[in-house]
Amino acid sequence: MQLADLKVKIFADGADLNGIVDCSLNPLIKGFTTNPTLMRKAGVNDYAAFAREVLHAIPDKPISFEVFADEFSEMEAQALEISSWGPQVIVKIPVTNTKGMNSVPLIRRLARSGVRMNVTALMTLEQVKVAAECLADAPAGYISVFAGRVADTGRDPLPMMAEAVCVLSGRPHIELIWASPRELLNIFQANDIGCHVITVTNDLLKKLSLVGKSLEEYSLETVQMFHHDAVKAGYTLTTSPVPAELALHSSIKVRENGFYVS
């Protein structure tokens, strides 16, 4: 499958303003997400100022900004403020606060207030079911399951993600996000199960050019990279002469099954 044939939408995940603007020019990118951790790593000091710069640069695609308070009353106030920044703004609400208290009452109140939400940091199917119920009467929104972090624990997230798609099948206004992918393969896995959105960081986006690449060519380039780096590092070994009868012919004549043979 080629990238142009994908049905899953790719949202760029990051907080570098220049990178976000560059991604907005890529027709494959349908939206954007960020979070306080990414913003801190990118050196963002003024949350609201950064968000407004992003919204000014990209006025026509959905962009998720996350609340960062821990008390639900303050989360609610932040959510209402963030939501007021524009019609394309999606407010990310964590599934719990840092004390493990679920966000269900808050999500229900924000839904009644008409706030578009992205319920985030989910990692279980039960959380998906609860979040879906909370968003039943909400405007169009998202549920983000951190499939990559699930995989980090040694569990295969694919069966759960496929089941989550089924859970949301009767709620067309809620889209499932495959969050925190670890490799480009996840894009195609998400597409195959009918997941609506996958978030992709800049590091992974840079690898999109590899999709469909000849594996023989990639193998050769890998060998060339190792050799180039060894030469550049100036590595040397003291070796014994190779017996003449074992020496390989110096001229390459034929290419068979992906290998060059003399």
C-alpha atoms as a PDB file:
ATOM      1  CA  MET A   1       0.000   0.000   0.000  1.00  0.00           C
ATOM      2  CA  GLN A   2       1.161   3.497  -0.831  1.00  0.00           C
ATOM      3  CA  LEU A   3       0.797   6.457   1.531  1.00  0.00           C
ATOM      4  CA  ALA A   4      -1.705   8.086  -0.812  1.00  0.00           C
ATOM      5  CA  ASP A   5      -4.000   5.077  -0.363  1.00  0.00           C
ATOM      6  CA  LEU A   6      -4.204   5.327   3.415  1.00  0.00           C
ATOM      7  CA  LYS A   7      -7.587   5.921   4.990  1.00  0.00           C
ATOM      8  CA  VAL A   8      -6.200   6.551   8.479  1.00  0.00           C
ATOM      9  CA  LYS A   9      -5.506  10.243   9.034  1.00  0.00           C
ATOM     10  CA  ILE A  10      -2.022  11.285  10.103  1.00  0.00           C
ATOM     11  CA  PHE A  11      -1.776  13.968  12.783  1.00  0.00           C
ATOM     12  CA  ALA A  12       1.683  15.447  13.409  1.00  0.00           C
ATOM     13  CA  ASP A  13       2.648  15.279  17.077  1.00  0.00           C
ATOM     14  CA  GLY A  14       5.134  17.882  18.293  1.00  0.00           C
ATOM     15  CA  ALA A  15       5.774  21.348  19.661  1.00  0.00           C
ATOM     16  CA  ASP A  16       8.433  22.849  17.404  1.00  0.00           C
ATOM     17  CA  LEU A  17       6.728  25.764  15.684  1.00  0.00           C
ATOM     18  CA  ASN A  18       8.867  25.634  12.542  1.00  0.00           C
ATOM     19  CA  GLY A  19       8.360  21.883  12.293  1.00  0.00           C
ATOM     20  CA  ILE A  20       4.612  22.291  12.717  1.00  0.00           C
ATOM     21  CA  VAL A  21       4.473  24.901   9.954  1.00  0.00           C
ATOM     22  CA  ASP A  22       6.524  22.650   7.654  1.00  0.00           C
ATOM     23  CA  CYS A  23       4.195  19.733   8.353  1.00  0.00           C
ATOM     24  CA  SER A  24       1.176  21.876   7.506  1.00  0.00           C
ATOM     25  CA  LEU A  25       2.457  22.023   3.923  1.00  0.00           C
ATOM     26  CA  ASN A  26       2.452  18.223   3.658  1.00  0.00           C
ATOM     27  CA  PRO A  27      -0.892  17.045   2.220  1.00  0.00           C
ATOM     28  CA  LEU A  28      -0.587  13.802   4.211  1.00  0.00           C
ATOM     29  CA  ILE A  29      -0.880  15.698   7.506  1.00  0.00           C
ATOM     30  CA  LYS A  30      -4.529  16.239   8.429  1.00  0.00           C
ATOM     31  CA  GLY A  31      -4.163  17.660  11.930  1.00  0.00           C
ATOM     32  CA  PHE A  32      -1.864  18.320  14.881  1.00  0.00           C
ATOM     33  CA  THR A  33      -1.470  17.341  18.526  1.00  0.00           C
ATOM     34  CA  THR A  34       0.880  18.432  21.271  1.00  0.00           C
ATOM     35  CA  ASN A  35       1.221  18.084  25.037  1.00  0.00           C
ATOM     36  CA  PRO A  36       3.030  19.817  27.924  1.00  0.00           C
ATOM     37  CA  THR A  37       5.972  17.384  27.810  1.00  0.00           C
ATOM     38  CA  LEU A  38       6.619  18.019  24.115  1.00  0.00           C
ATOM     39  CA  MET A  39       6.243  21.759  24.666  1.00  0.00           C
ATOM     40  CA  ARG A  40       8.742  21.753  27.534  1.00  0.00           C
ATOM     41  CA  LYS A  41      11.247  19.782  25.441  1.00  0.00           C
ATOM     42  CA  ALA A  42      10.822  22.297  22.626  1.00  0.00           C
ATOM     43  CA  GLY A  43      11.600  25.165  24.996  1.00  0.00           C
ATOM     44  CA  VAL A  44       8.104  26.667  25.037  1.00  0.00           C
ATOM     45  CA  ASN A  45       7.818  29.102  27.960  1.00  0.00           C
ATOM     46  CA  ASP A  46       4.498  30.822  27.285  1.00  0.00           C
ATOM     47  CA  TYR A  47       1.756  28.232  26.704  1.00  0.00           C
ATOM     48  CA  ALA A  48      -0.926  30.588  25.417  1.00  0.00           C
ATOM     49  CA  ALA A  49       1.433  32.588  23.203  1.00  0.00           C
ATOM     50  CA  PHE A  50       2.763  29.398  21.606  1.00  0.00           C
ATOM     51  CA  ALA A  51      -0.738  28.085  20.994  1.00  0.00           C
ATOM     52  CA  ARG A  52      -1.862  31.313  19.377  1.00  0.00           C
ATOM     53  CA  GLU A  53       1.175  31.293  17.086  1.00  0.00           C
ATOM     54  CA  VAL A  54       0.315  27.789  15.978  1.00  0.00           C
ATOM     55  CA  LEU A  55      -3.330  28.657  15.409  1.00  0.00           C
ATOM     56  CA  HIS A  56      -2.375  31.761  13.435  1.00  0.00           C
ATOM     57  CA  ALA A  57      -0.087  29.682  11.213  1.00  0.00           C
ATOM     58  CA  ILE A  58      -2.580  26.819  10.789  1.00  0.00           C
ATOM     59  CA  PRO A  59      -6.158  28.106  10.890  1.00  0.00           C
ATOM     60  CA  ASP A  60      -7.817  25.265   8.989  1.00  0.00           C
ATOM     61  CA  LYS A  61      -6.815  21.949  10.622  1.00  0.00           C
ATOM     62  CA  PRO A  62      -7.733  20.417  14.000  1.00  0.00           C
ATOM     63  CA  ILE A  63      -5.156  21.067  16.713  1.00  0.00           C
ATOM     64  CA  SER A  64      -5.206  19.471  20.170  1.00  0.00           C
ATOM     65  CA  PHE A  65      -3.907  21.410  23.179  1.00  0.00           C
ATOM     66  CA  GLU A  66      -3.848  19.779  26.606  1.00  0.00           C
ATOM     67  CA  VAL A  67      -4.891  21.153  29.973  1.00  0.00           C
ATOM     68  CA  PHE A  68      -2.138  20.958  32.573  1.00  0.00           C
ATOM     69  CA  ALA A  69      -3.911  21.570  35.895  1.00  0.00           C
ATOM     70  CA  ASP A  70      -4.410  18.665  38.292  1.00  0.00           C
ATOM     71  CA  GLU A  71      -7.517  19.820  40.172  1.00  0.00           C
ATOM     72  CA  PHE A  72     -10.637  19.251  38.108  1.00  0.00           C
ATOM     73  CA  SER A  73     -12.080  22.710  38.752  1.00  0.00           C
ATOM     74  CA  GLU A  74      -8.943  24.310  37.330  1.00  0.00           C
ATOM     75  CA  MET A  75      -8.866  21.784  34.478  1.00  0.00           C
ATOM     76  CA  GLU A  76     -12.374  22.899  33.596  1.00  0.00           C
ATOM     77  CA  ALA A  77     -11.433  26.565  33.616  1.00  0.00           C
ATOM     78  CA  GLN A  78      -8.403  25.858  31.431  1.00  0.00           C
ATOM     79  CA  ALA A  79     -10.477  23.751  29.046  1.00  0.00           C
ATOM     80  CA  LEU A  80     -13.019  26.529  28.553  1.00  0.00           C
ATOM     81  CA  GLU A  81     -10.240  29.059  27.951  1.00  0.00           C
ATOM     82  CA  ILE A  82      -8.383  26.836  25.462  1.00  0.00           C
ATOM     83  CA  SER A  83     -11.606  25.996  23.658  1.00  0.00           C
ATOM     84  CA  SER A  84     -12.282  29.707  23.130  1.00  0.00           C
ATOM     85  CA  TRP A  85      -9.150  30.099  21.025  1.00  0.00           C
ATOM     86  CA  GLY A  86     -10.766  28.884  17.814  1.00  0.00           C
ATOM     87  CA  PRO A  87     -13.186  26.451  16.155  1.00  0.00           C
ATOM     88  CA  GLN A  88     -10.378  24.094  15.153  1.00  0.00           C
ATOM     89  CA  VAL A  89      -9.161  23.739  18.746  1.00  0.00           C
ATOM     90  CA  ILE A  90      -9.558  20.379  20.463  1.00  0.00           C
ATOM     91  CA  VAL A  91      -9.001  20.288  24.225  1.00  0.00           C
ATOM     92  CA  LYS A  92      -7.052  17.322  25.523  1.00  0.00           C
ATOM     93  CA  ILE A  93      -8.376  16.033  28.838  1.00  0.00           C
ATOM     94  CA  PRO A  94      -6.396  13.264  30.581  1.00  0.00           C
ATOM     95  CA  VAL A  95      -8.413  10.201  31.526  1.00  0.00           C
ATOM     96  CA  THR A  96      -7.425  10.735  35.194  1.00  0.00           C
ATOM     97  CA  ASN A  97      -5.572  13.311  37.242  1.00  0.00           C
ATOM     98  CA  THR A  98      -2.214  12.546  38.872  1.00  0.00           C
ATOM     99  CA  LYS A  99      -3.968  11.030  41.887  1.00  0.00           C
ATOM    100  CA  GLY A 100      -5.722   8.429  39.733  1.00  0.00           C
ATOM    101  CA  MET A 101      -9.159  10.057  40.073  1.00  0.00           C
ATOM    102  CA  ASN A 102     -11.094   9.570  36.838  1.00  0.00           C
ATOM    103  CA  SER A 103     -12.143  12.565  34.781  1.00  0.00           C
ATOM    104  CA  VAL A 104     -15.648  11.335  34.004  1.00  0.00           C
ATOM    105  CA  PRO A 105     -17.595  14.159  35.756  1.00  0.00           C
ATOM    106  CA  LEU A 106     -15.401  16.801  34.133  1.00  0.00           C
ATOM    107  CA  ILE A 107     -15.724  15.284  30.669  1.00  0.00           C
ATOM    108  CA  ARG A 108     -19.497  15.157  31.039  1.00  0.00           C
ATOM    109  CA  ARG A 109     -19.671  18.808  32.105  1.00  0.00           C
ATOM    110  CA  LEU A 110     -17.448  19.938  29.242  1.00  0.00           C
ATOM    111  CA  ALA A 111     -19.528  17.885  26.821  1.00  0.00           C
ATOM    112  CA  ARG A 112     -22.647  19.729  27.966  1.00  0.00           C
ATOM    113  CA  SER A 113     -20.767  23.004  27.482  1.00  0.00           C
ATOM    114  CA  GLY A 114     -20.073  22.107  23.858  1.00  0.00           C
ATOM    115  CA  VAL A 115     -16.295  21.719  24.234  1.00  0.00           C
ATOM    116  CA  ARG A 116     -14.616  19.566  21.611  1.00  0.00           C
ATOM    117  CA  MET A 117     -12.388  17.125  23.456  1.00  0.00           C
ATOM    118  CA  ASN A 118      -9.593  14.657  22.957  1.00  0.00           C
ATOM    119  CA  VAL A 119      -9.691  12.313  25.953  1.00  0.00           C
ATOM    120  CA  THR A 120      -6.077  11.269  26.278  1.00  0.00           C
ATOM    121  CA  ALA A 121      -3.617   8.865  27.935  1.00  0.00           C
ATOM    122  CA  LEU A 122      -5.949   5.854  27.754  1.00  0.00           C
ATOM    123  CA  MET A 123      -4.395   2.378  27.800  1.00  0.00           C
ATOM    124  CA  THR A 124      -7.239  -0.058  28.465  1.00  0.00           C
ATOM    125  CA  LEU A 125     -10.376  -1.056  26.618  1.00  0.00           C
ATOM    126  CA  GLU A 126     -12.466  -0.311  29.701  1.00  0.00           C
ATOM    127  CA  GLN A 127     -11.199   3.277  29.650  1.00  0.00           C
ATOM    128  CA  VAL A 128     -12.239   3.514  25.996  1.00  0.00           C
ATOM    129  CA  LYS A 129     -15.758   2.332  26.818  1.00  0.00           C
ATOM    130  CA  VAL A 130     -16.127   4.808  29.676  1.00  0.00           C
ATOM    131  CA  ALA A 131     -14.764   7.716  27.616  1.00  0.00           C
ATOM    132  CA  ALA A 132     -17.088   6.851  24.735  1.00  0.00           C
ATOM    133  CA  GLU A 133     -20.075   7.001  27.054  1.00  0.00           C
ATOM    134  CA  CYS A 134     -18.950  10.364  28.413  1.00  0.00           C
ATOM    135  CA  LEU A 135     -18.635  11.773  24.882  1.00  0.00           C
ATOM    136  CA  ALA A 136     -21.971  10.360  23.724  1.00  0.00           C
ATOM    137  CA  ASP A 137     -23.628  13.778  23.661  1.00  0.00           C
ATOM    138  CA  ALA A 138     -20.479  15.831  23.093  1.00  0.00           C
ATOM    139  CA  PRO A 139     -19.489  17.603  19.885  1.00  0.00           C
ATOM    140  CA  ALA A 140     -17.181  15.751  17.501  1.00  0.00           C
ATOM    141  CA  GLY A 141     -14.058  14.644  19.354  1.00  0.00           C
ATOM    142  CA  TYR A 142     -11.363  12.037  19.837  1.00  0.00           C
ATOM    143  CA  ILE A 143     -10.208   9.274  22.156  1.00  0.00           C
ATOM    144  CA  SER A 144      -6.431   8.754  22.273  1.00  0.00           C
ATOM    145  CA  VAL A 145      -5.174   5.293  23.181  1.00  0.00           C
ATOM    146  CA  PHE A 146      -1.422   5.224  23.781  1.00  0.00           C
ATOM    147  CA  ALA A 147      -0.810   2.031  21.824  1.00  0.00           C
ATOM    148  CA  GLY A 148       2.934   2.626  21.718  1.00  0.00           C
ATOM    149  CA  ARG A 149       3.163   2.738  25.495  1.00  0.00           C
ATOM    150  CA  VAL A 150       1.045  -0.406  25.714  1.00  0.00           C
ATOM    151  CA  ALA A 151       3.598  -2.081  23.423  1.00  0.00           C
ATOM    152  CA  ASP A 152       6.390  -0.825  25.677  1.00  0.00           C
ATOM    153  CA  THR A 153       5.020  -3.123  28.405  1.00  0.00           C
ATOM    154  CA  GLY A 154       5.412  -6.202  26.201  1.00  0.00           C
ATOM    155  CA  ARG A 155       1.721  -6.355  25.266  1.00  0.00           C
ATOM    156  CA  ASP A 156       0.477  -6.375  21.670  1.00  0.00           C
ATOM    157  CA  PRO A 157      -1.825  -3.342  21.356  1.00  0.00           C
ATOM    158  CA  LEU A 158      -3.316  -4.405  18.036  1.00  0.00           C
ATOM    159  CA  PRO A 159      -6.182  -6.602  19.356  1.00  0.00           C
ATOM    160  CA  MET A 160      -7.217  -3.904  21.838  1.00  0.00           C
ATOM    161  CA  MET A 161      -7.082  -1.183  19.189  1.00  0.00           C
ATOM    162  CA  ALA A 162      -9.208  -3.294  16.831  1.00  0.00           C
ATOM    163  CA  GLU A 163     -11.763  -3.808  19.605  1.00  0.00           C
ATOM    164  CA  ALA A 164     -11.711  -0.082  20.386  1.00  0.00           C
ATOM    165  CA  VAL A 165     -12.652   0.609  16.766  1.00  0.00           C
ATOM    166  CA  CYS A 166     -15.672  -1.664  17.269  1.00  0.00           C
ATOM    167  CA  VAL A 167     -16.612   0.114  20.518  1.00  0.00           C
ATOM    168  CA  LEU A 168     -16.747   3.435  18.666  1.00  0.00           C
ATOM    169  CA  SER A 169     -18.464   2.070  15.562  1.00  0.00           C
ATOM    170  CA  GLY A 170     -21.860   3.329  16.696  1.00  0.00           C
ATOM    171  CA  ARG A 171     -20.530   6.787  17.555  1.00  0.00           C
ATOM    172  CA  PRO A 172     -19.405   8.366  14.265  1.00  0.00           C
ATOM    173  CA  HIS A 173     -18.711  11.707  15.948  1.00  0.00           C
ATOM    174  CA  ILE A 174     -15.900  10.145  18.022  1.00  0.00           C
ATOM    175  CA  GLU A 175     -12.646   9.198  16.313  1.00  0.00           C
ATOM    176  CA  LEU A 176     -10.084   6.789  17.709  1.00  0.00           C
ATOM    177  CA  ILE A 177      -6.468   7.979  17.792  1.00  0.00           C
ATOM    178  CA  TRP A 178      -3.570   5.495  17.775  1.00  0.00           C
ATOM    179  CA  ALA A 179      -1.191   7.537  19.916  1.00  0.00           C
ATOM    180  CA  SER A 180       2.552   7.215  20.594  1.00  0.00           C
ATOM    181  CA  PRO A 181       3.427   4.911  17.673  1.00  0.00           C
ATOM    182  CA  ARG A 182       6.933   3.470  17.717  1.00  0.00           C
ATOM    183  CA  GLU A 183       7.468   2.682  14.014  1.00  0.00           C
ATOM    184  CA  LEU A 184       6.028   3.410  10.578  1.00  0.00           C
ATOM    185  CA  LEU A 185       4.511  -0.069  10.489  1.00  0.00           C
ATOM    186  CA  ASN A 186       2.019   1.183  13.088  1.00  0.00           C
ATOM    187  CA  ILE A 187       0.528   3.523  10.483  1.00  0.00           C
ATOM    188  CA  PHE A 188      -0.380   0.592   8.278  1.00  0.00           C
ATOM    189  CA  GLN A 189      -1.578  -1.475  11.232  1.00  0.00           C
ATOM    190  CA  ALA A 190      -3.847   1.378  12.301  1.00  0.00           C
ATOM    191  CA  ASN A 191      -5.120   1.693   8.742  1.00  0.00           C
ATOM    192  CA  ASP A 192      -5.829  -2.036   8.430  1.00  0.00           C
ATOM    193  CA  ILE A 193      -8.055  -2.156  11.532  1.00  0.00           C
ATOM    194  CA  GLY A 194      -9.987   0.966  10.558  1.00  0.00           C
ATOM    195  CA  CYS A 195      -8.505   3.286  13.182  1.00  0.00           C
ATOM    196  CA  HIS A 196      -9.419   6.863  12.337  1.00  0.00           C
ATOM    197  CA  VAL A 197      -6.257   8.777  13.275  1.00  0.00           C
ATOM    198  CA  ILE A 198      -2.636   8.094  14.174  1.00  0.00           C
ATOM    199  CA  THR A 199      -0.313  10.678  15.720  1.00  0.00           C
ATOM    200  CA  VAL A 200       3.215  10.700  14.315  1.00  0.00           C
ATOM    201  CA  THR A 201       6.227  12.547  15.710  1.00  0.00           C
ATOM    202  CA  ASN A 202       8.694  14.433  13.532  1.00  0.00           C
ATOM    203  CA  ASP A 203      11.264  11.652  13.932  1.00  0.00           C
ATOM    204  CA  LEU A 204       8.877   9.144  12.384  1.00  0.00           C
ATOM    205  CA  LEU A 205       7.598  11.587   9.781  1.00  0.00           C
ATOM    206  CA  LYS A 206      11.151  11.871   8.468  1.00  0.00           C
ATOM    207  CA  LYS A 207      11.024   8.155   7.656  1.00  0.00           C
ATOM    208  CA  LEU A 208       7.949   8.386   5.432  1.00  0.00           C
ATOM    209  CA  SER A 209      10.217   8.413   2.377  1.00  0.00           C
ATOM    210  CA  LEU A 210      11.197   4.832   3.253  1.00  0.00           C
ATOM    211  CA  VAL A 211       7.712   3.473   2.624  1.00  0.00           C
ATOM    212  CA  GLY A 212       7.897   1.001  -0.271  1.00  0.00           C
ATOM    213  CA  LYS A 213      11.679   1.268  -0.522  1.00  0.00           C
ATOM    214  CA  SER A 214      13.511  -1.697  -2.071  1.00  0.00           C
ATOM    215  CA  LEU A 215      14.829  -3.851   0.766  1.00  0.00           C
ATOM    216  CA  GLU A 216      17.809  -4.920  -1.339  1.00  0.00           C
ATOM    217  CA  GLU A 217      18.697  -1.258  -1.885  1.00  0.00           C
ATOM    218  CA  TYR A 218      18.169  -0.526   1.803  1.00  0.00           C
ATOM    219  CA  SER A 219      20.419  -3.448   2.740  1.00  0.00           C
ATOM    220  CA  LEU A 220      23.199  -2.145   0.524  1.00  0.00           C
ATOM    221  CA  GLU A 221      22.841   1.388   1.901  1.00  0.00           C
ATOM    222  CA  THR A 222      23.095   0.007   5.436  1.00  0.00           C
ATOM    223  CA  VAL A 223      26.346  -1.802   4.633  1.00  0.00           C
ATOM    224  CA  GLN A 224      27.674   1.357   2.986  1.00  0.00           C
ATOM    225  CA  MET A 225      26.777   3.372   6.099  1.00  0.00           C
ATOM    226  CA  PHE A 226      28.650   0.977   8.400  1.00  0.00           C
ATOM    227  CA  HIS A 227      31.700   1.047   6.124  1.00  0.00           C
ATOM    228  CA  HIS A 228      31.632   4.838   5.786  1.00  0.00           C
ATOM    229  CA  ASP A 229      31.450   5.325   9.551  1.00  0.00           C
ATOM    230  CA  ALA A 230      34.268   2.852  10.177  1.00  0.00           C
ATOM    231  CA  VAL A 231      36.487   4.689   7.691  1.00  0.00           C
ATOM    232  CA  LYS A 232      35.529   8.084   9.104  1.00  0.00           C
ATOM    233  CA  ALA A 233      36.320   6.884  12.625  1.00  0.00           C
ATOM    234  CA  GLY A 234      39.762   5.743  11.462  1.00  0.00           C
ATOM    235  CA  TYR A 235      39.401   2.224  12.844  1.00  0.00           C
ATOM    236  CA  THR A 236      42.308  -0.170  12.153  1.00  0.00           C
ATOM    237  CA  LEU A 237      43.084  -3.797  12.959  1.00  0.00           C
ATOM    238  CA  THR A 238      46.306  -5.751  12.732  1.00  0.00           C
ATOM    239  CA  THR A 239      45.524  -8.792  10.604  1.00  0.00           C
ATOM    240  CA  SER A 240      47.285 -11.760   9.092  1.00  0.00           C
ATOM    241  CA  PRO A 241      47.459 -12.172   5.292  1.00  0.00           C
ATOM    242  CA  VAL A 242      44.578 -14.145   3.782  1.00  0.00           C
ATOM    243  CA  PRO A 243      45.766 -17.309   1.951  1.00  0.00           C
ATOM    244  CA  ALA A 244      45.693 -16.788  -1.790  1.00  0.00           C
ATOM    245  CA  GLU A 245      43.345 -19.726  -2.349  1.00  0.00           C
ATOM    246  CA  LEU A 246      40.755 -18.120  -0.091  1.00  0.00           C
ATOM    247  CA  ALA A 247      41.024 -14.606  -1.476  1.00  0.00           C
ATOM    248  CA  LEU A 248      37.961 -13.390  -3.283  1.00  0.00           C
ATOM    249  CA  HIS A 249      38.177 -12.334  -6.895  1.00  0.00           C
ATOM    250  CA  SER A 250      38.420  -8.559  -7.003  1.00  0.00           C
ATOM    251  CA  SER A 251      36.036  -7.992  -9.902  1.00  0.00           C
ATOM    252  CA  ILE A 252      32.263  -8.257  -9.386  1.00  0.00           C
ATOM    253  CA  LYS A 253      30.568  -9.959 -12.312  1.00  0.00           C
ATOM    254  CA  VAL A 254      27.019 -11.102 -11.494  1.00  0.00           C
ATOM    255  CA  ARG A 255      24.175 -10.006  -9.223  1.00  0.00           C
ATOM    256  CA  GLU A 256      22.076 -12.920  -7.984  1.00  0.00           C
ATOM    257  CA  ASN A 257      19.205 -12.929  -5.462  1.00  0.00           C
ATOM    258  CA  GLY A 258      20.158  -9.564  -4.075  1.00  0.00           C
ATOM    259  CA  PHE A 259      23.856 -10.363  -3.656  1.00  0.00           C
ATOM    260  CA  TYR A 260      26.878  -9.540  -5.788  1.00  0.00           C
ATOM    261  CA  VAL A 261      28.989 -12.630  -6.527  1.00  0.00           C
ATOM    262  CA  SER A 262      32.295 -13.055  -8.297  1.00  0.00           C
END
